[in-house]
Amino acid sequence: MTSRNAKLLRDKLLRDLIRLQPELQQGAVRYALHQEEHPIATAILGAVMVEHELETLLRSQFKRKDDETWAMLVADNGPLNSFYSKIVAGYALGIYDESMRDELHIVRNIRNVFAHSKKLIHFDDPLIMKKLGKATRLSLPKELLLKVGKPECAAGFSYDYVMLCCGLATKLKSERYRYERETGAMSPDLAALFTPPFGGKDK
């Protein structure tokens, strides 16, 4: 094998690792997210969880959702190859409103800052705090907002980011369940879990 072919093989294997689906069904990513203390790991894992749920929801909306077609959509040059493009697609399809779209972008922007910054930053950085403060699902106490830069506050803002990510992921998953149930795509066993008890009717 030539050195060029060996390099291409290594690059392909690395790209394959990037596209592996997180083990959310076992809660592995959620568990790791709550255990991680490093801000970069927290920022990336939170975004991974949200992007995965968004991708799964988007896939449920397509008429052709086989693995081969979906692989083309999320390939390096595919129309859904980035977190940004998935957020825009979900909004264009009417899956969520402007508020949720903006909060998805907040997660994406924070993830990008932590992933690409050339210096180590923390969640109590004033710019990160300002961005988090724009999320409507967050209600940060004013007294906490005044403690900018104090080490004991970093964990608090990290927690707010984790809660934002968990909230968005849960909302996206619920929307997928609702859509699959309405279209008959949900398995009978899973659909039974969402059926009102005692013959009740959906409201």
C-alpha atoms as a PDB file:
ATOM      1  CA  MET A   1       0.000   0.000   0.000  1.00  0.00           C
ATOM      2  CA  THR A   2       1.427   3.383  -1.019  1.00  0.00           C
ATOM      3  CA  SER A   3       1.852   6.126   1.567  1.00  0.00           C
ATOM      4  CA  ARG A   4      -0.887   8.161  -0.185  1.00  0.00           C
ATOM      5  CA  ASN A   5      -3.371   5.266   0.002  1.00  0.00           C
ATOM      6  CA  ALA A   6      -2.443   4.649   3.633  1.00  0.00           C
ATOM      7  CA  LYS A   7      -3.131   8.323   4.449  1.00  0.00           C
ATOM      8  CA  LEU A   8      -6.502   8.213   2.668  1.00  0.00           C
ATOM      9  CA  LEU A   9      -7.431   5.107   4.647  1.00  0.00           C
ATOM     10  CA  ARG A  10      -6.476   6.767   7.938  1.00  0.00           C
ATOM     11  CA  ASP A  11      -8.483   9.886   7.051  1.00  0.00           C
ATOM     12  CA  LYS A  12     -11.483   7.769   6.116  1.00  0.00           C
ATOM     13  CA  LEU A  13     -11.347   5.898   9.404  1.00  0.00           C
ATOM     14  CA  LEU A  14     -11.152   9.163  11.331  1.00  0.00           C
ATOM     15  CA  ARG A  15     -14.168  10.551   9.450  1.00  0.00           C
ATOM     16  CA  ASP A  16     -16.046   7.350  10.213  1.00  0.00           C
ATOM     17  CA  LEU A  17     -15.373   7.880  13.925  1.00  0.00           C
ATOM     18  CA  ILE A  18     -16.853  11.378  13.700  1.00  0.00           C
ATOM     19  CA  ARG A  19     -20.061  10.008  12.178  1.00  0.00           C
ATOM     20  CA  LEU A  20     -20.621   7.304  14.804  1.00  0.00           C
ATOM     21  CA  GLN A  21     -23.972   7.825  16.512  1.00  0.00           C
ATOM     22  CA  PRO A  22     -23.848   8.612  20.243  1.00  0.00           C
ATOM     23  CA  GLU A  23     -25.160   5.909  22.537  1.00  0.00           C
ATOM     24  CA  LEU A  24     -28.042   8.015  23.778  1.00  0.00           C
ATOM     25  CA  GLN A  25     -30.273   4.984  24.238  1.00  0.00           C
ATOM     26  CA  GLN A  26     -28.009   3.889  27.089  1.00  0.00           C
ATOM     27  CA  GLY A  27     -27.671   7.453  28.327  1.00  0.00           C
ATOM     28  CA  ALA A  28     -23.900   7.302  27.791  1.00  0.00           C
ATOM     29  CA  VAL A  29     -23.578  10.853  26.509  1.00  0.00           C
ATOM     30  CA  ARG A  30     -25.923  12.256  29.154  1.00  0.00           C
ATOM     31  CA  TYR A  31     -23.968  10.455  31.858  1.00  0.00           C
ATOM     32  CA  ALA A  32     -20.632  11.684  30.515  1.00  0.00           C
ATOM     33  CA  LEU A  33     -22.027  15.205  30.252  1.00  0.00           C
ATOM     34  CA  HIS A  34     -22.957  15.259  33.933  1.00  0.00           C
ATOM     35  CA  GLN A  35     -19.615  13.718  34.949  1.00  0.00           C
ATOM     36  CA  GLU A  36     -17.280  15.879  32.869  1.00  0.00           C
ATOM     37  CA  GLU A  37     -15.745  18.865  34.617  1.00  0.00           C
ATOM     38  CA  HIS A  38     -13.587  20.244  31.814  1.00  0.00           C
ATOM     39  CA  PRO A  39     -15.424  23.119  30.079  1.00  0.00           C
ATOM     40  CA  ILE A  40     -14.414  22.041  26.572  1.00  0.00           C
ATOM     41  CA  ALA A  41     -15.750  18.514  27.118  1.00  0.00           C
ATOM     42  CA  THR A  42     -18.979  19.903  28.585  1.00  0.00           C
ATOM     43  CA  ALA A  43     -19.509  22.310  25.690  1.00  0.00           C
ATOM     44  CA  ILE A  44     -18.893  19.675  23.022  1.00  0.00           C
ATOM     45  CA  LEU A  45     -20.825  16.818  24.644  1.00  0.00           C
ATOM     46  CA  GLY A  46     -23.846  19.042  25.240  1.00  0.00           C
ATOM     47  CA  ALA A  47     -23.902  20.083  21.599  1.00  0.00           C
ATOM     48  CA  VAL A  48     -23.397  16.466  20.464  1.00  0.00           C
ATOM     49  CA  MET A  49     -26.522  15.427  22.349  1.00  0.00           C
ATOM     50  CA  VAL A  50     -28.613  18.238  20.861  1.00  0.00           C
ATOM     51  CA  GLU A  51     -27.328  17.798  17.309  1.00  0.00           C
ATOM     52  CA  HIS A  52     -27.993  14.055  17.442  1.00  0.00           C
ATOM     53  CA  GLU A  53     -31.629  14.564  18.451  1.00  0.00           C
ATOM     54  CA  LEU A  54     -32.043  17.250  15.785  1.00  0.00           C
ATOM     55  CA  GLU A  55     -30.556  14.967  13.129  1.00  0.00           C
ATOM     56  CA  THR A  56     -32.819  12.075  14.161  1.00  0.00           C
ATOM     57  CA  LEU A  57     -35.880  14.335  14.043  1.00  0.00           C
ATOM     58  CA  LEU A  58     -34.941  15.698  10.612  1.00  0.00           C
ATOM     59  CA  ARG A  59     -34.420  12.205   9.255  1.00  0.00           C
ATOM     60  CA  SER A  60     -37.912  11.200  10.358  1.00  0.00           C
ATOM     61  CA  GLN A  61     -39.360  13.975   8.162  1.00  0.00           C
ATOM     62  CA  PHE A  62     -37.858  12.733   4.893  1.00  0.00           C
ATOM     63  CA  LYS A  63     -39.695  10.337   2.577  1.00  0.00           C
ATOM     64  CA  ARG A  64     -36.431   8.621   1.709  1.00  0.00           C
ATOM     65  CA  LYS A  65     -34.661   7.911   5.008  1.00  0.00           C
ATOM     66  CA  ASP A  66     -32.585   4.828   4.218  1.00  0.00           C
ATOM     67  CA  ASP A  67     -28.987   4.769   5.411  1.00  0.00           C
ATOM     68  CA  GLU A  68     -27.487   5.347   1.962  1.00  0.00           C
ATOM     69  CA  THR A  69     -29.598   8.425   1.233  1.00  0.00           C
ATOM     70  CA  TRP A  70     -29.051   9.854   4.685  1.00  0.00           C
ATOM     71  CA  ALA A  71     -25.296   9.307   4.407  1.00  0.00           C
ATOM     72  CA  MET A  72     -25.306  11.481   1.262  1.00  0.00           C
ATOM     73  CA  LEU A  73     -27.258  14.223   3.042  1.00  0.00           C
ATOM     74  CA  VAL A  74     -24.801  14.455   5.945  1.00  0.00           C
ATOM     75  CA  ALA A  75     -21.625  13.791   3.908  1.00  0.00           C
ATOM     76  CA  ASP A  76     -18.853  16.402   3.822  1.00  0.00           C
ATOM     77  CA  ASN A  77     -20.435  18.073   0.779  1.00  0.00           C
ATOM     78  CA  GLY A  78     -24.039  17.189   1.648  1.00  0.00           C
ATOM     79  CA  PRO A  79     -26.744  19.794   2.379  1.00  0.00           C
ATOM     80  CA  LEU A  80     -26.994  18.708   6.047  1.00  0.00           C
ATOM     81  CA  ASN A  81     -23.289  18.348   6.766  1.00  0.00           C
ATOM     82  CA  SER A  82     -23.176  20.855   9.631  1.00  0.00           C
ATOM     83  CA  PHE A  83     -25.022  21.683  12.830  1.00  0.00           C
ATOM     84  CA  TYR A  84     -25.851  25.075  11.295  1.00  0.00           C
ATOM     85  CA  SER A  85     -27.472  23.602   8.189  1.00  0.00           C
ATOM     86  CA  LYS A  86     -29.531  21.171  10.296  1.00  0.00           C
ATOM     87  CA  ILE A  87     -30.825  23.999  12.475  1.00  0.00           C
ATOM     88  CA  VAL A  88     -31.811  26.037   9.406  1.00  0.00           C
ATOM     89  CA  ALA A  89     -33.456  23.003   7.768  1.00  0.00           C
ATOM     90  CA  GLY A  90     -35.510  22.237  10.877  1.00  0.00           C
ATOM     91  CA  TYR A  91     -36.765  25.814  11.025  1.00  0.00           C
ATOM     92  CA  ALA A  92     -37.541  25.854   7.273  1.00  0.00           C
ATOM     93  CA  LEU A  93     -39.583  22.665   7.689  1.00  0.00           C
ATOM     94  CA  GLY A  94     -41.615  24.320  10.439  1.00  0.00           C
ATOM     95  CA  ILE A  95     -40.515  21.827  13.093  1.00  0.00           C
ATOM     96  CA  TYR A  96     -39.876  24.568  15.654  1.00  0.00           C
ATOM     97  CA  ASP A  97     -40.295  28.302  16.089  1.00  0.00           C
ATOM     98  CA  GLU A  98     -37.807  31.177  16.039  1.00  0.00           C
ATOM     99  CA  SER A  99     -37.204  30.964  19.778  1.00  0.00           C
ATOM    100  CA  MET A 100     -36.080  27.344  19.657  1.00  0.00           C
ATOM    101  CA  ARG A 101     -34.068  27.989  16.493  1.00  0.00           C
ATOM    102  CA  ASP A 102     -32.216  30.781  18.275  1.00  0.00           C
ATOM    103  CA  GLU A 103     -31.503  28.566  21.295  1.00  0.00           C
ATOM    104  CA  LEU A 104     -30.118  25.840  19.041  1.00  0.00           C
ATOM    105  CA  HIS A 105     -27.802  28.452  17.536  1.00  0.00           C
ATOM    106  CA  ILE A 106     -26.743  29.495  21.061  1.00  0.00           C
ATOM    107  CA  VAL A 107     -25.643  25.918  21.776  1.00  0.00           C
ATOM    108  CA  ARG A 108     -23.868  25.741  18.411  1.00  0.00           C
ATOM    109  CA  ASN A 109     -22.080  29.061  18.941  1.00  0.00           C
ATOM    110  CA  ILE A 110     -20.919  28.159  22.448  1.00  0.00           C
ATOM    111  CA  ARG A 111     -19.728  24.755  21.238  1.00  0.00           C
ATOM    112  CA  ASN A 112     -17.733  26.416  18.462  1.00  0.00           C
ATOM    113  CA  VAL A 113     -16.092  28.913  20.808  1.00  0.00           C
ATOM    114  CA  PHE A 114     -14.901  26.213  23.205  1.00  0.00           C
ATOM    115  CA  ALA A 115     -13.802  23.913  20.377  1.00  0.00           C
ATOM    116  CA  HIS A 116     -11.826  26.496  18.415  1.00  0.00           C
ATOM    117  CA  SER A 117     -10.563  28.999  20.978  1.00  0.00           C
ATOM    118  CA  LYS A 118      -6.776  29.155  21.221  1.00  0.00           C
ATOM    119  CA  LYS A 119      -6.992  29.918  24.939  1.00  0.00           C
ATOM    120  CA  LEU A 120      -8.732  28.024  27.700  1.00  0.00           C
ATOM    121  CA  ILE A 121     -12.043  29.673  28.511  1.00  0.00           C
ATOM    122  CA  HIS A 122     -14.729  28.911  31.076  1.00  0.00           C
ATOM    123  CA  PHE A 123     -18.478  29.216  31.289  1.00  0.00           C
ATOM    124  CA  ASP A 124     -18.233  32.248  33.565  1.00  0.00           C
ATOM    125  CA  ASP A 125     -16.548  34.245  30.799  1.00  0.00           C
ATOM    126  CA  PRO A 126     -18.672  37.412  30.364  1.00  0.00           C
ATOM    127  CA  LEU A 127     -19.261  36.738  26.650  1.00  0.00           C
ATOM    128  CA  ILE A 128     -20.365  33.147  27.293  1.00  0.00           C
ATOM    129  CA  MET A 129     -22.624  34.358  30.110  1.00  0.00           C
ATOM    130  CA  LYS A 130     -24.157  36.975  27.822  1.00  0.00           C
ATOM    131  CA  LYS A 131     -24.865  34.381  25.137  1.00  0.00           C
ATOM    132  CA  LEU A 132     -26.390  31.956  27.653  1.00  0.00           C
ATOM    133  CA  GLY A 133     -28.509  34.762  29.051  1.00  0.00           C
ATOM    134  CA  LYS A 134     -30.282  35.063  25.684  1.00  0.00           C
ATOM    135  CA  ALA A 135     -31.781  31.589  26.016  1.00  0.00           C
ATOM    136  CA  THR A 136     -35.425  32.001  27.029  1.00  0.00           C
ATOM    137  CA  ARG A 137     -35.446  28.611  28.749  1.00  0.00           C
ATOM    138  CA  LEU A 138     -32.887  29.899  31.226  1.00  0.00           C
ATOM    139  CA  SER A 139     -33.711  32.086  34.220  1.00  0.00           C
ATOM    140  CA  LEU A 140     -30.382  33.067  35.690  1.00  0.00           C
ATOM    141  CA  PRO A 141     -30.726  34.895  39.041  1.00  0.00           C
ATOM    142  CA  LYS A 142     -29.528  38.512  38.888  1.00  0.00           C
ATOM    143  CA  GLU A 143     -27.316  37.982  41.929  1.00  0.00           C
ATOM    144  CA  LEU A 144     -25.503  35.197  40.042  1.00  0.00           C
ATOM    145  CA  LEU A 145     -25.067  37.373  36.979  1.00  0.00           C
ATOM    146  CA  LEU A 146     -23.303  39.973  39.135  1.00  0.00           C
ATOM    147  CA  LYS A 147     -20.593  37.507  40.201  1.00  0.00           C
ATOM    148  CA  VAL A 148     -18.757  37.543  36.895  1.00  0.00           C
ATOM    149  CA  GLY A 149     -15.308  36.038  36.944  1.00  0.00           C
ATOM    150  CA  LYS A 150     -15.454  34.369  40.352  1.00  0.00           C
ATOM    151  CA  PRO A 151     -14.299  30.711  40.172  1.00  0.00           C
ATOM    152  CA  GLU A 152     -17.203  29.412  42.255  1.00  0.00           C
ATOM    153  CA  CYS A 153     -19.640  30.590  39.600  1.00  0.00           C
ATOM    154  CA  ALA A 154     -18.162  28.664  36.676  1.00  0.00           C
ATOM    155  CA  ALA A 155     -19.884  25.443  37.700  1.00  0.00           C
ATOM    156  CA  GLY A 156     -23.201  27.284  37.905  1.00  0.00           C
ATOM    157  CA  PHE A 157     -23.017  28.541  34.342  1.00  0.00           C
ATOM    158  CA  SER A 158     -21.789  25.161  33.147  1.00  0.00           C
ATOM    159  CA  TYR A 159     -24.902  23.671  34.769  1.00  0.00           C
ATOM    160  CA  ASP A 160     -27.094  26.206  32.928  1.00  0.00           C
ATOM    161  CA  TYR A 161     -25.543  25.163  29.625  1.00  0.00           C
ATOM    162  CA  VAL A 162     -26.088  21.475  30.412  1.00  0.00           C
ATOM    163  CA  MET A 163     -29.712  22.144  31.360  1.00  0.00           C
ATOM    164  CA  LEU A 164     -30.245  24.094  28.141  1.00  0.00           C
ATOM    165  CA  CYS A 165     -28.820  21.216  26.097  1.00  0.00           C
ATOM    166  CA  CYS A 166     -30.874  18.608  27.963  1.00  0.00           C
ATOM    167  CA  GLY A 167     -34.026  20.686  27.559  1.00  0.00           C
ATOM    168  CA  LEU A 168     -33.528  21.146  23.826  1.00  0.00           C
ATOM    169  CA  ALA A 169     -32.660  17.477  23.294  1.00  0.00           C
ATOM    170  CA  THR A 170     -35.771  16.383  25.196  1.00  0.00           C
ATOM    171  CA  LYS A 171     -37.976  18.772  23.196  1.00  0.00           C
ATOM    172  CA  LEU A 172     -36.568  17.499  19.886  1.00  0.00           C
ATOM    173  CA  LYS A 173     -37.038  13.872  20.921  1.00  0.00           C
ATOM    174  CA  SER A 174     -40.642  14.546  22.008  1.00  0.00           C
ATOM    175  CA  GLU A 175     -41.369  16.184  18.661  1.00  0.00           C
ATOM    176  CA  ARG A 176     -39.995  13.147  16.837  1.00  0.00           C
ATOM    177  CA  TYR A 177     -42.158  10.797  18.911  1.00  0.00           C
ATOM    178  CA  ARG A 178     -45.211  12.947  18.208  1.00  0.00           C
ATOM    179  CA  TYR A 179     -44.518  12.996  14.468  1.00  0.00           C
ATOM    180  CA  GLU A 180     -43.849   9.256  14.254  1.00  0.00           C
ATOM    181  CA  ARG A 181     -46.976   8.481  16.217  1.00  0.00           C
ATOM    182  CA  GLU A 182     -49.162  10.689  14.003  1.00  0.00           C
ATOM    183  CA  THR A 183     -47.717   9.250  10.790  1.00  0.00           C
ATOM    184  CA  GLY A 184     -47.804   5.631  11.972  1.00  0.00           C
ATOM    185  CA  ALA A 185     -44.012   5.308  11.780  1.00  0.00           C
ATOM    186  CA  MET A 186     -43.687   4.533  15.484  1.00  0.00           C
ATOM    187  CA  SER A 187     -43.458   0.889  16.487  1.00  0.00           C
ATOM    188  CA  PRO A 188     -46.663  -0.467  18.128  1.00  0.00           C
ATOM    189  CA  ASP A 189     -44.837  -1.193  21.392  1.00  0.00           C
ATOM    190  CA  LEU A 190     -43.515   2.354  21.644  1.00  0.00           C
ATOM    191  CA  ALA A 191     -46.814   3.873  20.504  1.00  0.00           C
ATOM    192  CA  ALA A 192     -48.576   2.043  23.333  1.00  0.00           C
ATOM    193  CA  LEU A 193     -46.475   3.977  25.830  1.00  0.00           C
ATOM    194  CA  PHE A 194     -47.960   7.216  24.496  1.00  0.00           C
ATOM    195  CA  THR A 195     -51.559   6.016  24.390  1.00  0.00           C
ATOM    196  CA  PRO A 196     -53.786   7.641  27.050  1.00  0.00           C
ATOM    197  CA  PRO A 197     -54.819   5.064  29.700  1.00  0.00           C
ATOM    198  CA  PHE A 198     -58.315   3.726  30.278  1.00  0.00           C
ATOM    199  CA  GLY A 199     -59.485   4.498  26.777  1.00  0.00           C
ATOM    200  CA  GLY A 200     -58.953   8.225  27.203  1.00  0.00           C
ATOM    201  CA  LYS A 201     -58.618  10.578  24.254  1.00  0.00           C
ATOM    202  CA  ASP A 202     -55.792  12.834  23.265  1.00  0.00           C
ATOM    203  CA  LYS A 203     -56.329  16.445  24.110  1.00  0.00           C
END
